[in-house]
């Protein structure tokens, strides 16, 4: 009986570890694709001396509407973001803070 509980605990820990690993891998993938867009935005700014008004000013590969999305907030700040899930969670890069949240 005791062995059975140990096996169940080991299996639960393994499943939980797999879920955490896959979530981190997915989040890293989002950040990686978002960083590609951010680099293109900064390259556009370097060439044109302003941030683009939309992504139509440069080529970006968005897979089936999953993002990343770009939004110019003003002349000095933009955000790149993903909409994650139905509960309105977002992964956002702000050019003012230069970090993902």
N, C-alpha and C. Protein backbone atom coordinates (compact mmCIF):
# COMPACT_ATOMS: atom_id res chain seq x y z
N UNK A 1 0.82 -1.19 0.00
CA UNK A 1 0.00 0.00 0.00
C UNK A 1 0.87 1.26 0.00
N UNK A 2 1.93 1.23 0.80
CA UNK A 2 2.82 2.37 0.89
C UNK A 2 3.53 2.61 -0.45
N UNK A 3 3.93 1.52 -1.11
CA UNK A 3 4.58 1.62 -2.41
C UNK A 3 3.65 2.28 -3.43
N UNK A 4 2.40 1.96 -3.33
CA UNK A 4 1.42 2.50 -4.27
C UNK A 4 1.35 4.03 -4.16
N UNK A 5 1.32 4.53 -2.93
CA UNK A 5 1.29 5.98 -2.72
C UNK A 5 2.56 6.65 -3.23
N UNK A 6 3.68 6.00 -3.04
CA UNK A 6 4.95 6.54 -3.54
C UNK A 6 4.92 6.62 -5.06
N UNK A 7 4.43 5.58 -5.72
CA UNK A 7 4.33 5.59 -7.18
C UNK A 7 3.38 6.70 -7.66
N UNK A 8 2.27 6.86 -6.99
CA UNK A 8 1.32 7.91 -7.37
C UNK A 8 1.96 9.28 -7.21
N UNK A 9 2.68 9.49 -6.13
CA UNK A 9 3.35 10.78 -5.91
C UNK A 9 4.41 11.03 -6.98
N UNK A 10 5.18 10.02 -7.31
CA UNK A 10 6.21 10.15 -8.35
C UNK A 10 5.57 10.49 -9.69
N UNK A 11 4.50 9.82 -10.03
CA UNK A 11 3.81 10.09 -11.30
C UNK A 11 3.26 11.51 -11.31
N UNK A 12 2.66 11.95 -10.21
CA UNK A 12 2.12 13.32 -10.14
C UNK A 12 3.22 14.36 -10.28
N UNK A 13 4.35 14.15 -9.63
CA UNK A 13 5.48 15.08 -9.73
C UNK A 13 5.99 15.11 -11.17
N UNK A 14 6.07 13.96 -11.81
CA UNK A 14 6.53 13.90 -13.19
C UNK A 14 5.58 14.67 -14.12
N UNK A 15 4.29 14.45 -13.98
CA UNK A 15 3.31 15.15 -14.82
C UNK A 15 3.37 16.65 -14.58
N UNK A 16 3.45 17.07 -13.34
CA UNK A 16 3.55 18.49 -13.00
C UNK A 16 4.81 19.11 -13.60
N UNK A 17 5.93 18.39 -13.54
CA UNK A 17 7.19 18.88 -14.11
C UNK A 17 7.08 19.04 -15.62
N UNK A 18 6.44 18.09 -16.28
CA UNK A 18 6.25 18.17 -17.73
C UNK A 18 5.40 19.38 -18.10
N UNK A 19 4.35 19.63 -17.36
CA UNK A 19 3.48 20.78 -17.63
C UNK A 19 4.26 22.08 -17.48
N UNK A 20 5.04 22.21 -16.41
CA UNK A 20 5.84 23.42 -16.21
C UNK A 20 6.86 23.61 -17.33
N UNK A 21 7.50 22.52 -17.74
CA UNK A 21 8.49 22.59 -18.81
C UNK A 21 7.85 23.07 -20.11
N UNK A 22 6.71 22.51 -20.46
CA UNK A 22 6.04 22.89 -21.70
C UNK A 22 5.55 24.33 -21.66
N UNK A 23 5.06 24.80 -20.52
CA UNK A 23 4.63 26.20 -20.40
C UNK A 23 5.80 27.15 -20.59
N UNK A 24 6.95 26.84 -19.99
CA UNK A 24 8.13 27.69 -20.14
C UNK A 24 8.63 27.69 -21.57
N UNK A 25 8.58 26.53 -22.22
CA UNK A 25 9.01 26.43 -23.61
C UNK A 25 8.11 27.27 -24.50
N UNK A 26 6.81 27.22 -24.28
CA UNK A 26 5.86 28.01 -25.07
C UNK A 26 6.09 29.50 -24.84
N UNK A 27 6.28 29.90 -23.61
CA UNK A 27 6.52 31.31 -23.29
C UNK A 27 7.80 31.80 -23.94
N UNK A 28 8.85 30.99 -23.92
CA UNK A 28 10.11 31.35 -24.57
C UNK A 28 9.91 31.51 -26.07
N UNK A 29 9.11 30.65 -26.67
CA UNK A 29 8.83 30.75 -28.10
C UNK A 29 8.13 32.06 -28.43
N UNK A 30 7.17 32.47 -27.60
CA UNK A 30 6.49 33.75 -27.81
C UNK A 30 7.47 34.91 -27.74
N UNK A 31 8.32 34.90 -26.74
CA UNK A 31 9.29 35.98 -26.56
C UNK A 31 10.26 36.02 -27.74
N UNK A 32 10.68 34.86 -28.20
CA UNK A 32 11.61 34.79 -29.32
C UNK A 32 10.99 35.40 -30.59
N UNK A 33 9.75 35.04 -30.90
CA UNK A 33 9.07 35.61 -32.07
C UNK A 33 8.81 37.09 -31.88
N UNK A 34 8.45 37.48 -30.67
CA UNK A 34 8.23 38.89 -30.38
C UNK A 34 9.50 39.71 -30.54
N UNK A 35 10.63 39.14 -30.13
CA UNK A 35 11.91 39.84 -30.28
C UNK A 35 12.27 40.07 -31.74
N UNK A 36 11.87 39.14 -32.61
CA UNK A 36 12.08 39.35 -34.05
C UNK A 36 11.33 40.59 -34.51
N UNK A 37 10.08 40.73 -34.08
CA UNK A 37 9.30 41.91 -34.46
C UNK A 37 9.92 43.17 -33.87
N UNK A 38 10.34 43.11 -32.62
CA UNK A 38 10.94 44.27 -31.97
C UNK A 38 12.18 44.73 -32.73
N UNK A 39 13.01 43.78 -33.15
CA UNK A 39 14.20 44.13 -33.93
C UNK A 39 13.82 44.81 -35.24
N UNK A 40 12.76 44.33 -35.88
CA UNK A 40 12.31 44.96 -37.13
C UNK A 40 11.78 46.37 -36.88
N UNK A 41 11.11 46.57 -35.76
CA UNK A 41 10.60 47.90 -35.43
C UNK A 41 11.76 48.87 -35.22
N UNK A 42 12.78 48.44 -34.47
CA UNK A 42 13.93 49.31 -34.24
C UNK A 42 14.72 49.55 -35.52
N UNK A 43 14.81 48.55 -36.39
CA UNK A 43 15.47 48.74 -37.68
C UNK A 43 14.70 49.75 -38.53
N UNK A 44 13.38 49.65 -38.52
CA UNK A 44 12.54 50.61 -39.24
C UNK A 44 12.78 52.02 -38.69
N UNK A 45 12.84 52.13 -37.38
CA UNK A 45 13.07 53.45 -36.77
C UNK A 45 14.43 54.01 -37.17
N UNK A 46 15.42 53.15 -37.22
CA UNK A 46 16.77 53.58 -37.60
C UNK A 46 16.78 54.12 -39.03
N UNK A 47 16.04 53.47 -39.92
CA UNK A 47 16.01 53.88 -41.33
C UNK A 47 15.11 55.08 -41.59
N UNK A 48 13.97 55.18 -40.86
CA UNK A 48 12.98 56.22 -41.15
C UNK A 48 12.85 57.29 -40.07
N UNK A 49 13.62 57.16 -39.00
CA UNK A 49 13.63 58.14 -37.90
C UNK A 49 12.31 58.24 -37.15
N UNK A 50 11.49 57.22 -37.23
CA UNK A 50 10.23 57.17 -36.48
C UNK A 50 9.78 55.72 -36.39
N UNK A 51 8.93 55.44 -35.41
CA UNK A 51 8.38 54.10 -35.29
C UNK A 51 7.30 53.91 -36.36
N UNK A 52 7.14 52.70 -36.87
CA UNK A 52 6.09 52.46 -37.86
C UNK A 52 4.70 52.61 -37.24
N UNK A 53 3.75 53.02 -38.07
CA UNK A 53 2.38 53.15 -37.60
C UNK A 53 1.70 51.79 -37.45
N UNK A 54 2.12 50.83 -38.27
CA UNK A 54 1.54 49.48 -38.20
C UNK A 54 2.55 48.48 -38.74
N UNK A 55 2.21 47.21 -38.68
CA UNK A 55 3.12 46.18 -39.19
C UNK A 55 3.12 46.11 -40.71
N UNK A 56 2.24 46.84 -41.36
CA UNK A 56 2.25 46.84 -42.82
C UNK A 56 3.48 47.55 -43.37
N UNK A 57 4.21 48.27 -42.52
CA UNK A 57 5.42 48.95 -42.94
C UNK A 57 6.62 48.01 -43.04
N UNK A 58 6.50 46.81 -42.52
CA UNK A 58 7.57 45.83 -42.61
C UNK A 58 6.97 44.43 -42.62
N UNK A 59 7.76 43.47 -43.08
CA UNK A 59 7.26 42.10 -43.23
C UNK A 59 7.46 41.35 -41.92
N UNK A 60 6.39 40.75 -41.44
CA UNK A 60 6.45 39.93 -40.24
C UNK A 60 5.58 38.70 -40.45
N UNK A 61 6.06 37.56 -40.00
CA UNK A 61 5.33 36.30 -40.16
C UNK A 61 4.49 36.05 -38.91
N UNK A 62 3.18 36.25 -39.01
CA UNK A 62 2.29 35.92 -37.90
C UNK A 62 1.52 34.67 -38.29
N UNK A 63 1.62 33.66 -37.45
CA UNK A 63 1.01 32.38 -37.76
C UNK A 63 -0.46 32.36 -37.38
N UNK A 64 -1.32 32.31 -38.34
CA UNK A 64 -2.76 32.14 -38.14
C UNK A 64 -3.34 33.08 -37.09
N UNK A 65 -2.93 34.33 -37.12
CA UNK A 65 -3.49 35.31 -36.21
C UNK A 65 -3.09 35.14 -34.76
N UNK A 66 -2.01 34.41 -34.49
CA UNK A 66 -1.58 34.18 -33.11
C UNK A 66 -0.69 35.29 -32.59
N UNK A 67 -0.25 36.18 -33.42
CA UNK A 67 0.62 37.25 -32.99
C UNK A 67 2.05 36.97 -33.40
N UNK A 68 2.93 37.82 -33.03
CA UNK A 68 2.80 38.96 -32.13
C UNK A 68 2.09 40.13 -32.80
N UNK A 69 1.52 40.98 -31.98
CA UNK A 69 0.83 42.17 -32.46
C UNK A 69 1.62 43.40 -32.05
N UNK A 70 1.55 44.43 -32.88
CA UNK A 70 2.30 45.67 -32.65
C UNK A 70 1.32 46.81 -32.49
N UNK A 71 1.62 47.71 -31.56
CA UNK A 71 0.79 48.90 -31.38
C UNK A 71 1.69 50.07 -31.00
N UNK A 72 1.61 51.13 -31.78
CA UNK A 72 2.36 52.35 -31.49
C UNK A 72 1.53 53.19 -30.53
N UNK A 73 2.06 53.47 -29.34
CA UNK A 73 1.33 54.24 -28.35
C UNK A 73 1.51 55.74 -28.54
N UNK A 74 2.73 56.14 -28.86
CA UNK A 74 3.01 57.54 -29.20
C UNK A 74 4.31 57.57 -29.99
N UNK A 75 4.91 58.73 -30.17
CA UNK A 75 6.11 58.83 -31.00
C UNK A 75 7.34 58.17 -30.39
N UNK A 76 7.30 57.89 -29.10
CA UNK A 76 8.48 57.33 -28.43
C UNK A 76 8.26 55.95 -27.81
N UNK A 77 7.02 55.48 -27.77
CA UNK A 77 6.72 54.21 -27.09
C UNK A 77 5.84 53.33 -27.97
N UNK A 78 6.17 52.05 -28.01
CA UNK A 78 5.33 51.06 -28.68
C UNK A 78 5.26 49.83 -27.81
N UNK A 79 4.29 48.97 -28.09
CA UNK A 79 4.21 47.67 -27.42
C UNK A 79 4.11 46.57 -28.47
N UNK A 80 4.63 45.43 -28.13
CA UNK A 80 4.45 44.20 -28.89
C UNK A 80 3.82 43.22 -27.91
N UNK A 81 2.73 42.58 -28.33
CA UNK A 81 2.01 41.75 -27.37
C UNK A 81 1.40 40.52 -28.02
N UNK A 82 1.06 39.58 -27.16
CA UNK A 82 0.32 38.37 -27.53
C UNK A 82 -0.94 38.32 -26.67
N UNK A 83 -2.04 37.90 -27.26
CA UNK A 83 -3.24 37.57 -26.50
C UNK A 83 -3.19 36.08 -26.22
N UNK A 84 -3.17 35.73 -24.95
CA UNK A 84 -3.02 34.33 -24.56
C UNK A 84 -4.31 33.83 -23.93
N UNK A 85 -5.00 32.98 -24.61
CA UNK A 85 -6.19 32.36 -24.04
C UNK A 85 -7.42 33.24 -24.09
N UNK A 86 -8.50 32.67 -23.59
CA UNK A 86 -9.79 33.35 -23.63
C UNK A 86 -10.00 34.28 -22.45
N UNK A 87 -9.16 34.18 -21.43
CA UNK A 87 -9.34 35.01 -20.24
C UNK A 87 -8.56 36.32 -20.30
N UNK A 88 -8.21 36.74 -21.50
CA UNK A 88 -7.59 38.04 -21.78
C UNK A 88 -6.21 38.20 -21.14
N UNK A 89 -5.50 37.11 -20.91
CA UNK A 89 -4.11 37.22 -20.47
C UNK A 89 -3.28 37.72 -21.64
N UNK A 90 -2.29 38.54 -21.34
CA UNK A 90 -1.42 39.06 -22.38
C UNK A 90 0.03 38.98 -21.95
N UNK A 91 0.89 38.76 -22.92
CA UNK A 91 2.33 38.85 -22.74
C UNK A 91 2.74 40.09 -23.50
N UNK A 92 3.28 41.10 -22.81
CA UNK A 92 3.48 42.42 -23.41
C UNK A 92 4.93 42.87 -23.27
N UNK A 93 5.49 43.37 -24.38
CA UNK A 93 6.78 44.06 -24.35
C UNK A 93 6.51 45.54 -24.49
N UNK A 94 7.04 46.32 -23.57
CA UNK A 94 6.89 47.78 -23.62
C UNK A 94 8.25 48.37 -23.96
N UNK A 95 8.31 49.20 -25.00
CA UNK A 95 9.59 49.76 -25.43
C UNK A 95 10.15 50.76 -24.42
N UNK A 96 9.30 51.31 -23.56
CA UNK A 96 9.77 52.24 -22.54
C UNK A 96 10.56 51.51 -21.45
N UNK A 97 10.02 50.39 -20.99
CA UNK A 97 10.70 49.61 -19.94
C UNK A 97 11.66 48.58 -20.53
N UNK A 98 11.49 48.26 -21.80
CA UNK A 98 12.29 47.27 -22.52
C UNK A 98 12.28 45.89 -21.85
N UNK A 99 11.11 45.49 -21.40
CA UNK A 99 10.98 44.15 -20.82
C UNK A 99 9.62 43.56 -21.11
N UNK A 100 9.58 42.23 -21.07
CA UNK A 100 8.34 41.47 -21.26
C UNK A 100 7.65 41.30 -19.92
N UNK A 101 6.34 41.46 -19.90
CA UNK A 101 5.55 41.22 -18.68
C UNK A 101 4.36 40.35 -19.01
